[in-house]
């Protein structure tokens, strides 16, 4: 009888990051998390909808600074993509009915982005999917660990946002 050394499903306690220093493993873990973010917990999320939610989240989050408005340039900056890529992403959201272009109240020559009711509905549906995925993934965790992980992840993301605005080297 032949045995295979190929792994098909590896529990996290024995996965590729199992023996690594946790602080060294966190970066690769985030990469693995990003690749698995479309987990089919409720209904399949298309690649297009995953991309659309990136843009819609920015529109919903709104300005990060006083006087800032949500424009294609802001979308490009926050997603760290070329403005032409951001423009295509925004145009797709507009074509889908999730965003509209409007005149800036600060500078009538500038075009800003506003979310439509359909965009808010789409984002709400995606958030339900994310919660279902989280609940599915952590279904065997004690409730306190689930809540602690959620709180710490939110704290981490908030700290990332603060670090983006901190002076370089400080």
C-alpha atoms as a PDB file:
ATOM      1  CA  UNK A   1       0.000   0.000   0.000  1.00  0.00           C
ATOM      2  CA  UNK A   2       1.353   3.395  -1.027  1.00  0.00           C
ATOM      3  CA  UNK A   3       1.217   6.346   1.320  1.00  0.00           C
ATOM      4  CA  UNK A   4       1.200   9.914   0.214  1.00  0.00           C
ATOM      5  CA  UNK A   5       3.226  12.662   1.855  1.00  0.00           C
ATOM      6  CA  UNK A   6       1.087  15.345   0.253  1.00  0.00           C
ATOM      7  CA  UNK A   7      -1.060  17.266   2.734  1.00  0.00           C
ATOM      8  CA  UNK A   8      -4.566  18.183   1.744  1.00  0.00           C
ATOM      9  CA  UNK A   9      -5.842  19.743   4.947  1.00  0.00           C
ATOM     10  CA  UNK A  10      -3.575  20.886   7.739  1.00  0.00           C
ATOM     11  CA  UNK A  11      -4.845  22.138  11.085  1.00  0.00           C
ATOM     12  CA  UNK A  12      -3.364  25.501  12.037  1.00  0.00           C
ATOM     13  CA  UNK A  13      -1.486  23.961  14.972  1.00  0.00           C
ATOM     14  CA  UNK A  14       0.519  21.926  12.448  1.00  0.00           C
ATOM     15  CA  UNK A  15       0.493  24.297   9.466  1.00  0.00           C
ATOM     16  CA  UNK A  16       3.440  25.998   7.790  1.00  0.00           C
ATOM     17  CA  UNK A  17       3.631  28.671  10.512  1.00  0.00           C
ATOM     18  CA  UNK A  18       3.285  26.304  13.495  1.00  0.00           C
ATOM     19  CA  UNK A  19       6.919  26.322  14.653  1.00  0.00           C
ATOM     20  CA  UNK A  20       7.670  29.937  13.809  1.00  0.00           C
ATOM     21  CA  UNK A  21       8.040  32.788  16.258  1.00  0.00           C
ATOM     22  CA  UNK A  22       4.516  34.267  16.380  1.00  0.00           C
ATOM     23  CA  UNK A  23       5.836  37.753  15.608  1.00  0.00           C
ATOM     24  CA  UNK A  24       7.638  36.434  12.521  1.00  0.00           C
ATOM     25  CA  UNK A  25       4.594  34.419  11.469  1.00  0.00           C
ATOM     26  CA  UNK A  26       2.034  37.230  11.666  1.00  0.00           C
ATOM     27  CA  UNK A  27       2.949  38.752   8.264  1.00  0.00           C
ATOM     28  CA  UNK A  28       2.628  35.473   6.357  1.00  0.00           C
ATOM     29  CA  UNK A  29      -0.560  34.756   8.325  1.00  0.00           C
ATOM     30  CA  UNK A  30      -2.084  38.027   7.095  1.00  0.00           C
ATOM     31  CA  UNK A  31      -1.137  37.070   3.537  1.00  0.00           C
ATOM     32  CA  UNK A  32      -2.847  33.703   3.925  1.00  0.00           C
ATOM     33  CA  UNK A  33      -5.879  35.424   5.436  1.00  0.00           C
ATOM     34  CA  UNK A  34      -6.162  37.800   2.476  1.00  0.00           C
ATOM     35  CA  UNK A  35      -6.032  34.910   0.012  1.00  0.00           C
ATOM     36  CA  UNK A  36      -8.811  33.102   1.909  1.00  0.00           C
ATOM     37  CA  UNK A  37     -11.038  36.161   2.389  1.00  0.00           C
ATOM     38  CA  UNK A  38     -13.681  35.006  -0.093  1.00  0.00           C
ATOM     39  CA  UNK A  39     -14.608  31.971   1.999  1.00  0.00           C
ATOM     40  CA  UNK A  40     -17.976  30.666   0.910  1.00  0.00           C
ATOM     41  CA  UNK A  41     -19.704  30.763   4.289  1.00  0.00           C
ATOM     42  CA  UNK A  42     -23.173  31.762   3.114  1.00  0.00           C
ATOM     43  CA  UNK A  43     -23.112  32.480  -0.594  1.00  0.00           C
ATOM     44  CA  UNK A  44     -20.192  32.742  -2.982  1.00  0.00           C
ATOM     45  CA  UNK A  45     -18.638  36.211  -3.134  1.00  0.00           C
ATOM     46  CA  UNK A  46     -17.365  37.013  -6.592  1.00  0.00           C
ATOM     47  CA  UNK A  47     -13.964  38.552  -7.166  1.00  0.00           C
ATOM     48  CA  UNK A  48     -15.733  41.570  -8.655  1.00  0.00           C
ATOM     49  CA  UNK A  49     -17.845  42.025  -5.521  1.00  0.00           C
ATOM     50  CA  UNK A  50     -14.743  41.666  -3.325  1.00  0.00           C
ATOM     51  CA  UNK A  51     -13.154  44.514  -5.276  1.00  0.00           C
ATOM     52  CA  UNK A  52     -16.322  46.589  -5.137  1.00  0.00           C
ATOM     53  CA  UNK A  53     -16.473  46.286  -1.349  1.00  0.00           C
ATOM     54  CA  UNK A  54     -12.964  47.727  -1.078  1.00  0.00           C
ATOM     55  CA  UNK A  55     -14.183  50.894  -2.809  1.00  0.00           C
ATOM     56  CA  UNK A  56     -17.519  50.992  -0.974  1.00  0.00           C
ATOM     57  CA  UNK A  57     -15.815  50.675   2.396  1.00  0.00           C
ATOM     58  CA  UNK A  58     -13.744  53.759   1.589  1.00  0.00           C
ATOM     59  CA  UNK A  59     -16.855  55.682   0.551  1.00  0.00           C
ATOM     60  CA  UNK A  60     -18.603  54.649   3.759  1.00  0.00           C
ATOM     61  CA  UNK A  61     -15.618  55.424   6.001  1.00  0.00           C
ATOM     62  CA  UNK A  62     -15.503  58.925   4.599  1.00  0.00           C
ATOM     63  CA  UNK A  63     -12.814  61.548   5.104  1.00  0.00           C
ATOM     64  CA  UNK A  64      -9.764  60.859   7.245  1.00  0.00           C
ATOM     65  CA  UNK A  65      -8.817  64.531   7.422  1.00  0.00           C
ATOM     66  CA  UNK A  66     -10.681  67.815   7.784  1.00  0.00           C
ATOM     67  CA  UNK A  67     -11.823  69.109   4.425  1.00  0.00           C
ATOM     68  CA  UNK A  68     -11.136  65.829   2.638  1.00  0.00           C
ATOM     69  CA  UNK A  69     -13.777  64.480   0.278  1.00  0.00           C
ATOM     70  CA  UNK A  70     -13.953  61.014  -1.216  1.00  0.00           C
ATOM     71  CA  UNK A  71     -12.608  61.189  -4.753  1.00  0.00           C
ATOM     72  CA  UNK A  72     -11.007  58.707  -7.128  1.00  0.00           C
ATOM     73  CA  UNK A  73      -7.646  60.029  -5.905  1.00  0.00           C
ATOM     74  CA  UNK A  74      -8.532  59.222  -2.290  1.00  0.00           C
ATOM     75  CA  UNK A  75      -9.617  55.716  -3.327  1.00  0.00           C
ATOM     76  CA  UNK A  76      -6.284  55.249  -5.135  1.00  0.00           C
ATOM     77  CA  UNK A  77      -4.318  56.492  -2.138  1.00  0.00           C
ATOM     78  CA  UNK A  78      -6.104  54.324   0.425  1.00  0.00           C
ATOM     79  CA  UNK A  79      -5.903  51.205  -1.724  1.00  0.00           C
ATOM     80  CA  UNK A  80      -2.297  51.968  -2.735  1.00  0.00           C
ATOM     81  CA  UNK A  81      -3.107  51.548  -6.421  1.00  0.00           C
ATOM     82  CA  UNK A  82      -2.486  53.643  -9.502  1.00  0.00           C
ATOM     83  CA  UNK A  83      -5.162  56.320 -10.102  1.00  0.00           C
ATOM     84  CA  UNK A  84      -6.118  54.631 -13.389  1.00  0.00           C
ATOM     85  CA  UNK A  85      -6.793  51.378 -11.525  1.00  0.00           C
ATOM     86  CA  UNK A  86      -8.872  53.236  -8.921  1.00  0.00           C
ATOM     87  CA  UNK A  87     -10.768  54.988 -11.707  1.00  0.00           C
ATOM     88  CA  UNK A  88     -11.717  51.648 -13.275  1.00  0.00           C
ATOM     89  CA  UNK A  89     -12.784  50.284  -9.882  1.00  0.00           C
ATOM     90  CA  UNK A  90     -14.929  53.365  -9.197  1.00  0.00           C
ATOM     91  CA  UNK A  91     -16.445  53.264 -12.689  1.00  0.00           C
ATOM     92  CA  UNK A  92     -17.416  49.635 -12.105  1.00  0.00           C
ATOM     93  CA  UNK A  93     -19.143  50.588  -8.832  1.00  0.00           C
ATOM     94  CA  UNK A  94     -20.974  53.415 -10.604  1.00  0.00           C
ATOM     95  CA  UNK A  95     -22.052  51.084 -13.435  1.00  0.00           C
ATOM     96  CA  UNK A  96     -23.355  48.612 -10.834  1.00  0.00           C
ATOM     97  CA  UNK A  97     -25.397  51.401  -9.230  1.00  0.00           C
ATOM     98  CA  UNK A  98     -23.430  51.424  -5.958  1.00  0.00           C
ATOM     99  CA  UNK A  99     -21.849  54.881  -6.290  1.00  0.00           C
ATOM    100  CA  UNK A 100     -22.694  58.171  -7.967  1.00  0.00           C
ATOM    101  CA  UNK A 101     -20.502  61.085  -8.909  1.00  0.00           C
ATOM    102  CA  UNK A 102     -21.477  64.464  -7.480  1.00  0.00           C
ATOM    103  CA  UNK A 103     -20.066  67.979  -7.494  1.00  0.00           C
ATOM    104  CA  UNK A 104     -17.925  68.906  -4.526  1.00  0.00           C
ATOM    105  CA  UNK A 105     -19.455  71.466  -2.191  1.00  0.00           C
ATOM    106  CA  UNK A 106     -15.936  72.788  -1.525  1.00  0.00           C
ATOM    107  CA  UNK A 107     -14.799  73.056  -5.144  1.00  0.00           C
ATOM    108  CA  UNK A 108     -17.441  72.735  -7.865  1.00  0.00           C
ATOM    109  CA  UNK A 109     -14.767  71.685 -10.390  1.00  0.00           C
ATOM    110  CA  UNK A 110     -14.005  68.545  -8.397  1.00  0.00           C
ATOM    111  CA  UNK A 111     -16.062  65.346  -8.562  1.00  0.00           C
ATOM    112  CA  UNK A 112     -16.721  63.409  -5.379  1.00  0.00           C
ATOM    113  CA  UNK A 113     -18.160  59.955  -4.814  1.00  0.00           C
ATOM    114  CA  UNK A 114     -21.304  59.173  -2.860  1.00  0.00           C
ATOM    115  CA  UNK A 115     -22.769  55.810  -2.008  1.00  0.00           C
ATOM    116  CA  UNK A 116     -26.273  54.970  -3.225  1.00  0.00           C
ATOM    117  CA  UNK A 117     -28.911  53.017  -1.314  1.00  0.00           C
ATOM    118  CA  UNK A 118     -27.959  50.000  -3.481  1.00  0.00           C
ATOM    119  CA  UNK A 119     -24.327  50.453  -2.445  1.00  0.00           C
ATOM    120  CA  UNK A 120     -25.285  50.536   1.224  1.00  0.00           C
ATOM    121  CA  UNK A 121     -27.399  47.393   0.728  1.00  0.00           C
ATOM    122  CA  UNK A 122     -24.538  45.620  -1.033  1.00  0.00           C
ATOM    123  CA  UNK A 123     -22.099  46.550   1.737  1.00  0.00           C
ATOM    124  CA  UNK A 124     -24.563  45.385   4.407  1.00  0.00           C
ATOM    125  CA  UNK A 125     -24.938  42.028   2.615  1.00  0.00           C
ATOM    126  CA  UNK A 126     -21.173  41.666   2.408  1.00  0.00           C
ATOM    127  CA  UNK A 127     -20.843  42.422   6.136  1.00  0.00           C
ATOM    128  CA  UNK A 128     -23.385  39.695   6.876  1.00  0.00           C
ATOM    129  CA  UNK A 129     -21.248  37.361   4.785  1.00  0.00           C
ATOM    130  CA  UNK A 130     -18.120  38.397   6.692  1.00  0.00           C
ATOM    131  CA  UNK A 131     -19.816  37.737  10.023  1.00  0.00           C
ATOM    132  CA  UNK A 132     -21.051  34.338   8.842  1.00  0.00           C
ATOM    133  CA  UNK A 133     -17.509  33.508   7.692  1.00  0.00           C
ATOM    134  CA  UNK A 134     -16.061  34.593  11.050  1.00  0.00           C
ATOM    135  CA  UNK A 135     -18.623  32.542  12.934  1.00  0.00           C
ATOM    136  CA  UNK A 136     -17.962  29.515  10.710  1.00  0.00           C
ATOM    137  CA  UNK A 137     -14.171  29.754  11.045  1.00  0.00           C
ATOM    138  CA  UNK A 138     -14.283  30.221  14.822  1.00  0.00           C
ATOM    139  CA  UNK A 139     -17.179  27.836  15.456  1.00  0.00           C
ATOM    140  CA  UNK A 140     -15.045  25.580  17.677  1.00  0.00           C
ATOM    141  CA  UNK A 141     -13.495  28.439  19.676  1.00  0.00           C
ATOM    142  CA  UNK A 142     -14.686  29.332  23.158  1.00  0.00           C
ATOM    143  CA  UNK A 143     -16.919  32.419  23.000  1.00  0.00           C
ATOM    144  CA  UNK A 144     -14.488  34.510  25.058  1.00  0.00           C
ATOM    145  CA  UNK A 145     -11.658  33.752  22.589  1.00  0.00           C
ATOM    146  CA  UNK A 146     -13.879  34.757  19.655  1.00  0.00           C
ATOM    147  CA  UNK A 147     -14.708  38.072  21.289  1.00  0.00           C
ATOM    148  CA  UNK A 148     -11.132  38.686  22.407  1.00  0.00           C
ATOM    149  CA  UNK A 149      -9.798  37.999  18.912  1.00  0.00           C
ATOM    150  CA  UNK A 150     -12.411  40.311  17.372  1.00  0.00           C
ATOM    151  CA  UNK A 151     -11.542  43.112  19.822  1.00  0.00           C
ATOM    152  CA  UNK A 152      -7.793  42.686  19.268  1.00  0.00           C
ATOM    153  CA  UNK A 153      -8.160  42.601  15.492  1.00  0.00           C
ATOM    154  CA  UNK A 154     -10.188  45.825  15.578  1.00  0.00           C
ATOM    155  CA  UNK A 155      -7.586  47.385  17.873  1.00  0.00           C
ATOM    156  CA  UNK A 156      -4.821  46.314  15.463  1.00  0.00           C
ATOM    157  CA  UNK A 157      -6.612  47.787  12.453  1.00  0.00           C
ATOM    158  CA  UNK A 158      -7.214  51.062  14.324  1.00  0.00           C
ATOM    159  CA  UNK A 159      -3.512  51.180  15.222  1.00  0.00           C
ATOM    160  CA  UNK A 160      -2.570  50.622  11.573  1.00  0.00           C
ATOM    161  CA  UNK A 161      -4.689  53.640  10.622  1.00  0.00           C
ATOM    162  CA  UNK A 162      -3.020  55.753  13.327  1.00  0.00           C
ATOM    163  CA  UNK A 163       0.454  54.634  12.215  1.00  0.00           C
ATOM    164  CA  UNK A 164      -0.295  55.694   8.636  1.00  0.00           C
ATOM    165  CA  UNK A 165      -0.710  59.255   9.853  1.00  0.00           C
ATOM    166  CA  UNK A 166       2.236  59.289  12.259  1.00  0.00           C
ATOM    167  CA  UNK A 167       5.372  61.201  11.245  1.00  0.00           C
ATOM    168  CA  UNK A 168       8.018  59.025   9.564  1.00  0.00           C
ATOM    169  CA  UNK A 169      10.508  57.532  12.010  1.00  0.00           C
ATOM    170  CA  UNK A 170       8.380  58.414  15.012  1.00  0.00           C
END
